[in-house]
């Protein structure tokens, strides 16, 4: 039943992205209003629903009371440890994503020169203007929030949620199924975009399962921030023609 729930949720949330730009070259112009709609209509409601599904299973469990001082001491120590672990997880995830992107870009360039065929995607997503001004600052801020909310949505589903729903198959089959489904919904980015998403999914799932402690929330925060920051950096690279 949990696997069927995951399949339905995947098809509803991510399957429509397969049809972005199908049939012709598509340019999506940057718009603050469009990004705000994406944040508050597309990203946040599904994110809230995913967490509702995850957390409803934990409600109703009775918790035993404990002495105040030991609880406070454990909370402080745990917080420091979690912050350090979260920072290291962010570094691993962020620079791992950059390394994968660099490797895929090199392979893409070599393949294009060898075959004479362009592997660029048929869809182009524009970025805010680079001229100084309040509009630009606002645009980049909204764009980062959009990338961050998308990062939280994808990490919550493909890493946290699917890790829980597919755990009966074992960690490595779950990692493969999660990463393949993650890559499949990036098909609009072209062949090497799918390859980039596949290896990124494998890396992030591996990091999440190896570094998570307790309920894994701190680790999820770290990889979601890494994912969102990486996406924003890719937009910046496009704007600066890097």
C-alpha atoms as a PDB file:
ATOM      1  CA  UNK A   1       0.000   0.000   0.000  1.00  0.00           C
ATOM      2  CA  UNK A   2       2.841   2.406   0.836  1.00  0.00           C
ATOM      3  CA  UNK A   3       4.560   1.712  -2.497  1.00  0.00           C
ATOM      4  CA  UNK A   4       1.303   2.348  -4.382  1.00  0.00           C
ATOM      5  CA  UNK A   5       0.910   5.613  -2.455  1.00  0.00           C
ATOM      6  CA  UNK A   6       4.448   6.612  -3.486  1.00  0.00           C
ATOM      7  CA  UNK A   7       3.811   5.805  -7.165  1.00  0.00           C
ATOM      8  CA  UNK A   8       0.585   7.830  -7.241  1.00  0.00           C
ATOM      9  CA  UNK A   9       2.233  10.766  -5.503  1.00  0.00           C
ATOM     10  CA  UNK A  10       5.163  10.658  -7.926  1.00  0.00           C
ATOM     11  CA  UNK A  11       2.881  10.644 -10.968  1.00  0.00           C
ATOM     12  CA  UNK A  12       0.795  13.518  -9.652  1.00  0.00           C
ATOM     13  CA  UNK A  13       3.685  15.743  -8.559  1.00  0.00           C
ATOM     14  CA  UNK A  14       6.471  15.068 -11.036  1.00  0.00           C
ATOM     15  CA  UNK A  15       5.178  13.286 -14.152  1.00  0.00           C
ATOM     16  CA  UNK A  16       3.861  16.519 -15.790  1.00  0.00           C
ATOM     17  CA  UNK A  17       7.453  17.834 -15.952  1.00  0.00           C
ATOM     18  CA  UNK A  18       8.158  15.227 -18.653  1.00  0.00           C
ATOM     19  CA  UNK A  19       6.092  17.243 -21.108  1.00  0.00           C
ATOM     20  CA  UNK A  20       7.809  20.606 -20.604  1.00  0.00           C
ATOM     21  CA  UNK A  21       9.048  21.805 -23.962  1.00  0.00           C
ATOM     22  CA  UNK A  22       7.977  18.710 -25.891  1.00  0.00           C
ATOM     23  CA  UNK A  23       7.910  19.174 -29.650  1.00  0.00           C
ATOM     24  CA  UNK A  24       9.609  22.561 -29.956  1.00  0.00           C
ATOM     25  CA  UNK A  25      12.224  24.782 -28.411  1.00  0.00           C
ATOM     26  CA  UNK A  26      10.740  26.514 -25.408  1.00  0.00           C
ATOM     27  CA  UNK A  27      11.992  29.632 -23.665  1.00  0.00           C
ATOM     28  CA  UNK A  28      10.576  30.282 -20.209  1.00  0.00           C
ATOM     29  CA  UNK A  29      11.028  33.967 -19.405  1.00  0.00           C
ATOM     30  CA  UNK A  30      11.851  34.925 -15.829  1.00  0.00           C
ATOM     31  CA  UNK A  31       8.985  36.449 -13.896  1.00  0.00           C
ATOM     32  CA  UNK A  32       8.787  37.244 -10.196  1.00  0.00           C
ATOM     33  CA  UNK A  33       5.045  36.530 -10.185  1.00  0.00           C
ATOM     34  CA  UNK A  34       5.585  33.179 -11.900  1.00  0.00           C
ATOM     35  CA  UNK A  35       8.253  32.200  -9.378  1.00  0.00           C
ATOM     36  CA  UNK A  36       6.001  33.225  -6.471  1.00  0.00           C
ATOM     37  CA  UNK A  37       3.200  31.108  -7.940  1.00  0.00           C
ATOM     38  CA  UNK A  38       5.651  28.227  -8.255  1.00  0.00           C
ATOM     39  CA  UNK A  39       6.669  28.606  -4.597  1.00  0.00           C
ATOM     40  CA  UNK A  40       3.234  28.973  -3.024  1.00  0.00           C
ATOM     41  CA  UNK A  41       1.090  26.932  -5.427  1.00  0.00           C
ATOM     42  CA  UNK A  42       3.347  24.167  -6.722  1.00  0.00           C
ATOM     43  CA  UNK A  43       6.167  23.677  -4.192  1.00  0.00           C
ATOM     44  CA  UNK A  44       4.816  24.371  -0.707  1.00  0.00           C
ATOM     45  CA  UNK A  45       1.405  22.599  -0.771  1.00  0.00           C
ATOM     46  CA  UNK A  46       2.855  19.260  -2.007  1.00  0.00           C
ATOM     47  CA  UNK A  47       5.701  19.648   0.489  1.00  0.00           C
ATOM     48  CA  UNK A  48       3.187  20.102   3.308  1.00  0.00           C
ATOM     49  CA  UNK A  49       1.213  17.070   2.093  1.00  0.00           C
ATOM     50  CA  UNK A  50       4.336  14.877   2.007  1.00  0.00           C
ATOM     51  CA  UNK A  51       5.145  15.840   5.576  1.00  0.00           C
ATOM     52  CA  UNK A  52       1.554  15.226   6.609  1.00  0.00           C
ATOM     53  CA  UNK A  53       1.852  11.667   5.295  1.00  0.00           C
ATOM     54  CA  UNK A  54       5.149  11.160   7.111  1.00  0.00           C
ATOM     55  CA  UNK A  55       4.175  12.692  10.429  1.00  0.00           C
ATOM     56  CA  UNK A  56       0.666  11.285  10.768  1.00  0.00           C
ATOM     57  CA  UNK A  57       2.198   7.867  11.432  1.00  0.00           C
ATOM     58  CA  UNK A  58       3.964   9.244  14.493  1.00  0.00           C
ATOM     59  CA  UNK A  59       0.947  10.875  16.102  1.00  0.00           C
ATOM     60  CA  UNK A  60      -0.770   9.210  18.997  1.00  0.00           C
ATOM     61  CA  UNK A  61       2.399   7.702  20.406  1.00  0.00           C
ATOM     62  CA  UNK A  62       2.645   8.217  24.111  1.00  0.00           C
ATOM     63  CA  UNK A  63       5.904   9.708  25.344  1.00  0.00           C
ATOM     64  CA  UNK A  64       7.169   9.129  28.840  1.00  0.00           C
ATOM     65  CA  UNK A  65       8.190  12.145  30.903  1.00  0.00           C
ATOM     66  CA  UNK A  66      11.838  12.635  31.879  1.00  0.00           C
ATOM     67  CA  UNK A  67      13.705  14.897  34.366  1.00  0.00           C
ATOM     68  CA  UNK A  68      14.139  18.447  33.091  1.00  0.00           C
ATOM     69  CA  UNK A  69      17.919  18.915  33.512  1.00  0.00           C
ATOM     70  CA  UNK A  70      19.004  15.701  31.754  1.00  0.00           C
ATOM     71  CA  UNK A  71      16.613  16.508  28.917  1.00  0.00           C
ATOM     72  CA  UNK A  72      18.034  20.052  28.627  1.00  0.00           C
ATOM     73  CA  UNK A  73      21.641  18.792  28.703  1.00  0.00           C
ATOM     74  CA  UNK A  74      20.944  16.184  26.048  1.00  0.00           C
ATOM     75  CA  UNK A  75      19.144  18.735  23.893  1.00  0.00           C
ATOM     76  CA  UNK A  76      22.090  21.173  23.979  1.00  0.00           C
ATOM     77  CA  UNK A  77      24.670  18.489  23.229  1.00  0.00           C
ATOM     78  CA  UNK A  78      22.501  17.029  20.491  1.00  0.00           C
ATOM     79  CA  UNK A  79      21.977  20.468  18.950  1.00  0.00           C
ATOM     80  CA  UNK A  80      25.720  21.173  18.738  1.00  0.00           C
ATOM     81  CA  UNK A  81      26.400  17.741  17.291  1.00  0.00           C
ATOM     82  CA  UNK A  82      23.557  18.036  14.781  1.00  0.00           C
ATOM     83  CA  UNK A  83      24.730  21.482  13.639  1.00  0.00           C
ATOM     84  CA  UNK A  84      28.249  20.203  12.982  1.00  0.00           C
ATOM     85  CA  UNK A  85      26.927  17.132  11.216  1.00  0.00           C
ATOM     86  CA  UNK A  86      24.529  19.267   9.182  1.00  0.00           C
ATOM     87  CA  UNK A  87      27.299  21.628   8.070  1.00  0.00           C
ATOM     88  CA  UNK A  88      29.533  18.750   6.974  1.00  0.00           C
ATOM     89  CA  UNK A  89      26.599  17.127   5.164  1.00  0.00           C
ATOM     90  CA  UNK A  90      25.890  20.396   3.335  1.00  0.00           C
ATOM     91  CA  UNK A  91      29.531  20.647   2.234  1.00  0.00           C
ATOM     92  CA  UNK A  92      29.592  17.038   1.003  1.00  0.00           C
ATOM     93  CA  UNK A  93      26.294  17.373  -0.872  1.00  0.00           C
ATOM     94  CA  UNK A  94      26.950  20.802  -2.400  1.00  0.00           C
ATOM     95  CA  UNK A  95      30.467  20.144  -3.648  1.00  0.00           C
ATOM     96  CA  UNK A  96      29.479  16.635  -4.689  1.00  0.00           C
ATOM     97  CA  UNK A  97      26.754  18.115  -6.907  1.00  0.00           C
ATOM     98  CA  UNK A  98      29.245  20.581  -8.385  1.00  0.00           C
ATOM     99  CA  UNK A  99      31.697  17.762  -9.117  1.00  0.00           C
ATOM    100  CA  UNK A 100      29.008  15.678 -10.830  1.00  0.00           C
ATOM    101  CA  UNK A 101      27.887  18.658 -12.903  1.00  0.00           C
ATOM    102  CA  UNK A 102      31.479  19.394 -13.954  1.00  0.00           C
ATOM    103  CA  UNK A 103      32.070  15.770 -14.950  1.00  0.00           C
ATOM    104  CA  UNK A 104      28.824  15.535 -16.941  1.00  0.00           C
ATOM    105  CA  UNK A 105      29.590  18.864 -18.657  1.00  0.00           C
ATOM    106  CA  UNK A 106      33.007  17.583 -19.768  1.00  0.00           C
ATOM    107  CA  UNK A 107      31.503  14.333 -21.071  1.00  0.00           C
ATOM    108  CA  UNK A 108      28.763  16.260 -22.862  1.00  0.00           C
ATOM    109  CA  UNK A 109      31.313  18.491 -24.575  1.00  0.00           C
ATOM    110  CA  UNK A 110      33.432  15.532 -25.642  1.00  0.00           C
ATOM    111  CA  UNK A 111      30.390  13.680 -26.992  1.00  0.00           C
ATOM    112  CA  UNK A 112      29.217  16.722 -28.957  1.00  0.00           C
ATOM    113  CA  UNK A 113      32.646  17.244 -30.550  1.00  0.00           C
ATOM    114  CA  UNK A 114      32.986  13.554 -31.383  1.00  0.00           C
ATOM    115  CA  UNK A 115      29.514  13.129 -32.873  1.00  0.00           C
ATOM    116  CA  UNK A 116      28.790  16.602 -34.178  1.00  0.00           C
ATOM    117  CA  UNK A 117      25.407  16.403 -32.497  1.00  0.00           C
ATOM    118  CA  UNK A 118      24.208  18.935 -29.960  1.00  0.00           C
ATOM    119  CA  UNK A 119      22.893  17.409 -26.741  1.00  0.00           C
ATOM    120  CA  UNK A 120      21.488  20.671 -25.379  1.00  0.00           C
ATOM    121  CA  UNK A 121      17.958  20.551 -24.044  1.00  0.00           C
ATOM    122  CA  UNK A 122      15.115  22.036 -26.084  1.00  0.00           C
ATOM    123  CA  UNK A 123      14.096  24.194 -23.175  1.00  0.00           C
ATOM    124  CA  UNK A 124      15.775  27.393 -21.953  1.00  0.00           C
ATOM    125  CA  UNK A 125      14.928  28.974 -18.614  1.00  0.00           C
ATOM    126  CA  UNK A 126      15.837  32.637 -18.390  1.00  0.00           C
ATOM    127  CA  UNK A 127      17.247  34.331 -15.289  1.00  0.00           C
ATOM    128  CA  UNK A 128      16.701  37.823 -13.817  1.00  0.00           C
ATOM    129  CA  UNK A 129      18.437  40.796 -15.416  1.00  0.00           C
ATOM    130  CA  UNK A 130      22.008  41.334 -14.283  1.00  0.00           C
ATOM    131  CA  UNK A 131      21.746  45.165 -14.083  1.00  0.00           C
ATOM    132  CA  UNK A 132      21.944  46.670 -10.607  1.00  0.00           C
ATOM    133  CA  UNK A 133      18.724  47.746  -8.951  1.00  0.00           C
ATOM    134  CA  UNK A 134      16.038  46.768  -6.454  1.00  0.00           C
ATOM    135  CA  UNK A 135      14.103  44.769  -9.033  1.00  0.00           C
ATOM    136  CA  UNK A 136      17.164  42.647  -9.745  1.00  0.00           C
ATOM    137  CA  UNK A 137      17.863  42.111  -6.052  1.00  0.00           C
ATOM    138  CA  UNK A 138      14.243  41.148  -5.499  1.00  0.00           C
ATOM    139  CA  UNK A 139      14.312  38.891  -8.529  1.00  0.00           C
ATOM    140  CA  UNK A 140      17.367  36.983  -7.375  1.00  0.00           C
ATOM    141  CA  UNK A 141      15.970  36.677  -3.856  1.00  0.00           C
ATOM    142  CA  UNK A 142      12.696  35.249  -5.167  1.00  0.00           C
ATOM    143  CA  UNK A 143      14.600  32.965  -7.523  1.00  0.00           C
ATOM    144  CA  UNK A 144      16.675  31.602  -4.636  1.00  0.00           C
ATOM    145  CA  UNK A 145      13.534  31.006  -2.574  1.00  0.00           C
ATOM    146  CA  UNK A 146      12.057  29.183  -5.562  1.00  0.00           C
ATOM    147  CA  UNK A 147      15.173  27.006  -5.883  1.00  0.00           C
ATOM    148  CA  UNK A 148      15.211  26.357  -2.141  1.00  0.00           C
ATOM    149  CA  UNK A 149      11.536  25.377  -1.971  1.00  0.00           C
ATOM    150  CA  UNK A 150      12.006  23.093  -4.983  1.00  0.00           C
ATOM    151  CA  UNK A 151      15.061  21.584  -3.289  1.00  0.00           C
ATOM    152  CA  UNK A 152      13.049  20.900  -0.143  1.00  0.00           C
ATOM    153  CA  UNK A 153      10.195  19.382  -2.144  1.00  0.00           C
ATOM    154  CA  UNK A 154      12.452  17.052  -4.135  1.00  0.00           C
ATOM    155  CA  UNK A 155      14.652  16.046  -1.193  1.00  0.00           C
ATOM    156  CA  UNK A 156      11.646  15.466   1.049  1.00  0.00           C
ATOM    157  CA  UNK A 157      10.080  13.189  -1.560  1.00  0.00           C
ATOM    158  CA  UNK A 158      12.985  11.443  -3.316  1.00  0.00           C
ATOM    159  CA  UNK A 159      15.275  11.036  -0.321  1.00  0.00           C
ATOM    160  CA  UNK A 160      13.265  11.212   2.931  1.00  0.00           C
ATOM    161  CA  UNK A 161       9.832   9.959   1.828  1.00  0.00           C
ATOM    162  CA  UNK A 162      11.019   7.262  -0.606  1.00  0.00           C
ATOM    163  CA  UNK A 163      13.702   6.141   1.834  1.00  0.00           C
ATOM    164  CA  UNK A 164      10.890   5.430   4.283  1.00  0.00           C
ATOM    165  CA  UNK A 165       8.435   3.908   1.781  1.00  0.00           C
ATOM    166  CA  UNK A 166      11.003   1.685   0.020  1.00  0.00           C
ATOM    167  CA  UNK A 167      12.966   0.561   3.074  1.00  0.00           C
ATOM    168  CA  UNK A 168      11.520  -2.964   2.863  1.00  0.00           C
ATOM    169  CA  UNK A 169      13.523  -3.498  -0.349  1.00  0.00           C
ATOM    170  CA  UNK A 170      16.828  -2.636   1.328  1.00  0.00           C
ATOM    171  CA  UNK A 171      18.928   0.553   1.096  1.00  0.00           C
ATOM    172  CA  UNK A 172      20.566  -0.022  -2.291  1.00  0.00           C
ATOM    173  CA  UNK A 173      17.470  -1.050  -4.284  1.00  0.00           C
ATOM    174  CA  UNK A 174      15.672   1.892  -2.651  1.00  0.00           C
ATOM    175  CA  UNK A 175      18.531   4.202  -3.645  1.00  0.00           C
ATOM    176  CA  UNK A 176      18.379   2.965  -7.248  1.00  0.00           C
ATOM    177  CA  UNK A 177      14.588   3.261  -7.537  1.00  0.00           C
ATOM    178  CA  UNK A 178      14.618   6.720  -5.985  1.00  0.00           C
ATOM    179  CA  UNK A 179      17.443   7.972  -8.210  1.00  0.00           C
ATOM    180  CA  UNK A 180      15.991   6.560 -11.448  1.00  0.00           C
ATOM    181  CA  UNK A 181      12.615   8.151 -10.748  1.00  0.00           C
ATOM    182  CA  UNK A 182      14.378  11.434  -9.868  1.00  0.00           C
ATOM    183  CA  UNK A 183      16.352  11.336 -13.130  1.00  0.00           C
ATOM    184  CA  UNK A 184      13.263  10.441 -15.178  1.00  0.00           C
ATOM    185  CA  UNK A 185      11.438  13.621 -14.214  1.00  0.00           C
ATOM    186  CA  UNK A 186      14.419  15.648 -15.560  1.00  0.00           C
ATOM    187  CA  UNK A 187      14.041  14.267 -19.092  1.00  0.00           C
ATOM    188  CA  UNK A 188      13.213  17.769 -20.384  1.00  0.00           C
ATOM    189  CA  UNK A 189      16.867  18.695 -19.687  1.00  0.00           C
ATOM    190  CA  UNK A 190      18.129  16.279 -22.328  1.00  0.00           C
ATOM    191  CA  UNK A 191      20.269  13.143 -22.181  1.00  0.00           C
ATOM    192  CA  UNK A 192      23.084  14.576 -20.106  1.00  0.00           C
ATOM    193  CA  UNK A 193      20.622  16.395 -17.849  1.00  0.00           C
ATOM    194  CA  UNK A 194      19.064  13.028 -17.042  1.00  0.00           C
ATOM    195  CA  UNK A 195      22.527  11.558 -16.408  1.00  0.00           C
ATOM    196  CA  UNK A 196      23.381  14.489 -14.131  1.00  0.00           C
ATOM    197  CA  UNK A 197      20.137  14.004 -12.169  1.00  0.00           C
ATOM    198  CA  UNK A 198      20.728  10.251 -11.895  1.00  0.00           C
ATOM    199  CA  UNK A 199      24.206  10.573 -10.371  1.00  0.00           C
ATOM    200  CA  UNK A 200      23.075  13.486  -8.208  1.00  0.00           C
ATOM    201  CA  UNK A 201      20.199  11.357  -6.902  1.00  0.00           C
ATOM    202  CA  UNK A 202      22.527   8.464  -6.100  1.00  0.00           C
ATOM    203  CA  UNK A 203      24.906  10.791  -4.269  1.00  0.00           C
ATOM    204  CA  UNK A 204      22.227  12.568  -2.241  1.00  0.00           C
ATOM    205  CA  UNK A 205      20.442   9.343  -1.285  1.00  0.00           C
ATOM    206  CA  UNK A 206      23.753   7.799  -0.212  1.00  0.00           C
ATOM    207  CA  UNK A 207      24.686  10.870   1.865  1.00  0.00           C
ATOM    208  CA  UNK A 208      21.237  11.035   3.445  1.00  0.00           C
ATOM    209  CA  UNK A 209      21.253   7.396   4.554  1.00  0.00           C
ATOM    210  CA  UNK A 210      24.880   7.356   5.683  1.00  0.00           C
ATOM    211  CA  UNK A 211      24.880  10.615   7.631  1.00  0.00           C
ATOM    212  CA  UNK A 212      21.367  10.781   9.061  1.00  0.00           C
ATOM    213  CA  UNK A 213      20.931  10.431  12.795  1.00  0.00           C
ATOM    214  CA  UNK A 214      17.713  10.131  14.757  1.00  0.00           C
ATOM    215  CA  UNK A 215      14.784  10.930  12.498  1.00  0.00           C
ATOM    216  CA  UNK A 216      17.013  12.399   9.776  1.00  0.00           C
ATOM    217  CA  UNK A 217      15.462  15.872   9.807  1.00  0.00           C
ATOM    218  CA  UNK A 218      18.787  17.696  10.272  1.00  0.00           C
ATOM    219  CA  UNK A 219      20.321  15.752   7.393  1.00  0.00           C
ATOM    220  CA  UNK A 220      17.323  16.552   5.203  1.00  0.00           C
ATOM    221  CA  UNK A 221      17.773  20.280   5.938  1.00  0.00           C
ATOM    222  CA  UNK A 222      21.433  20.070   4.930  1.00  0.00           C
ATOM    223  CA  UNK A 223      20.932  18.309   1.598  1.00  0.00           C
ATOM    224  CA  UNK A 224      17.865  20.419   0.748  1.00  0.00           C
ATOM    225  CA  UNK A 225      19.885  23.620   1.298  1.00  0.00           C
ATOM    226  CA  UNK A 226      22.724  22.142  -0.761  1.00  0.00           C
ATOM    227  CA  UNK A 227      20.293  21.199  -3.549  1.00  0.00           C
ATOM    228  CA  UNK A 228      18.587  24.601  -3.579  1.00  0.00           C
ATOM    229  CA  UNK A 229      21.870  26.528  -3.458  1.00  0.00           C
ATOM    230  CA  UNK A 230      23.294  24.392  -6.261  1.00  0.00           C
ATOM    231  CA  UNK A 231      20.251  25.087  -8.462  1.00  0.00           C
ATOM    232  CA  UNK A 232      20.519  28.826  -7.786  1.00  0.00           C
ATOM    233  CA  UNK A 233      24.216  28.711  -8.660  1.00  0.00           C
ATOM    234  CA  UNK A 234      23.375  27.049 -11.989  1.00  0.00           C
ATOM    235  CA  UNK A 235      20.989  29.928 -12.766  1.00  0.00           C
ATOM    236  CA  UNK A 236      23.767  32.384 -11.915  1.00  0.00           C
ATOM    237  CA  UNK A 237      26.158  30.503 -14.227  1.00  0.00           C
ATOM    238  CA  UNK A 238      23.625  30.812 -17.067  1.00  0.00           C
ATOM    239  CA  UNK A 239      23.145  34.547 -16.429  1.00  0.00           C
ATOM    240  CA  UNK A 240      26.906  35.171 -16.423  1.00  0.00           C
ATOM    241  CA  UNK A 241      27.536  32.839 -19.394  1.00  0.00           C
ATOM    242  CA  UNK A 242      29.930  30.744 -17.339  1.00  0.00           C
END
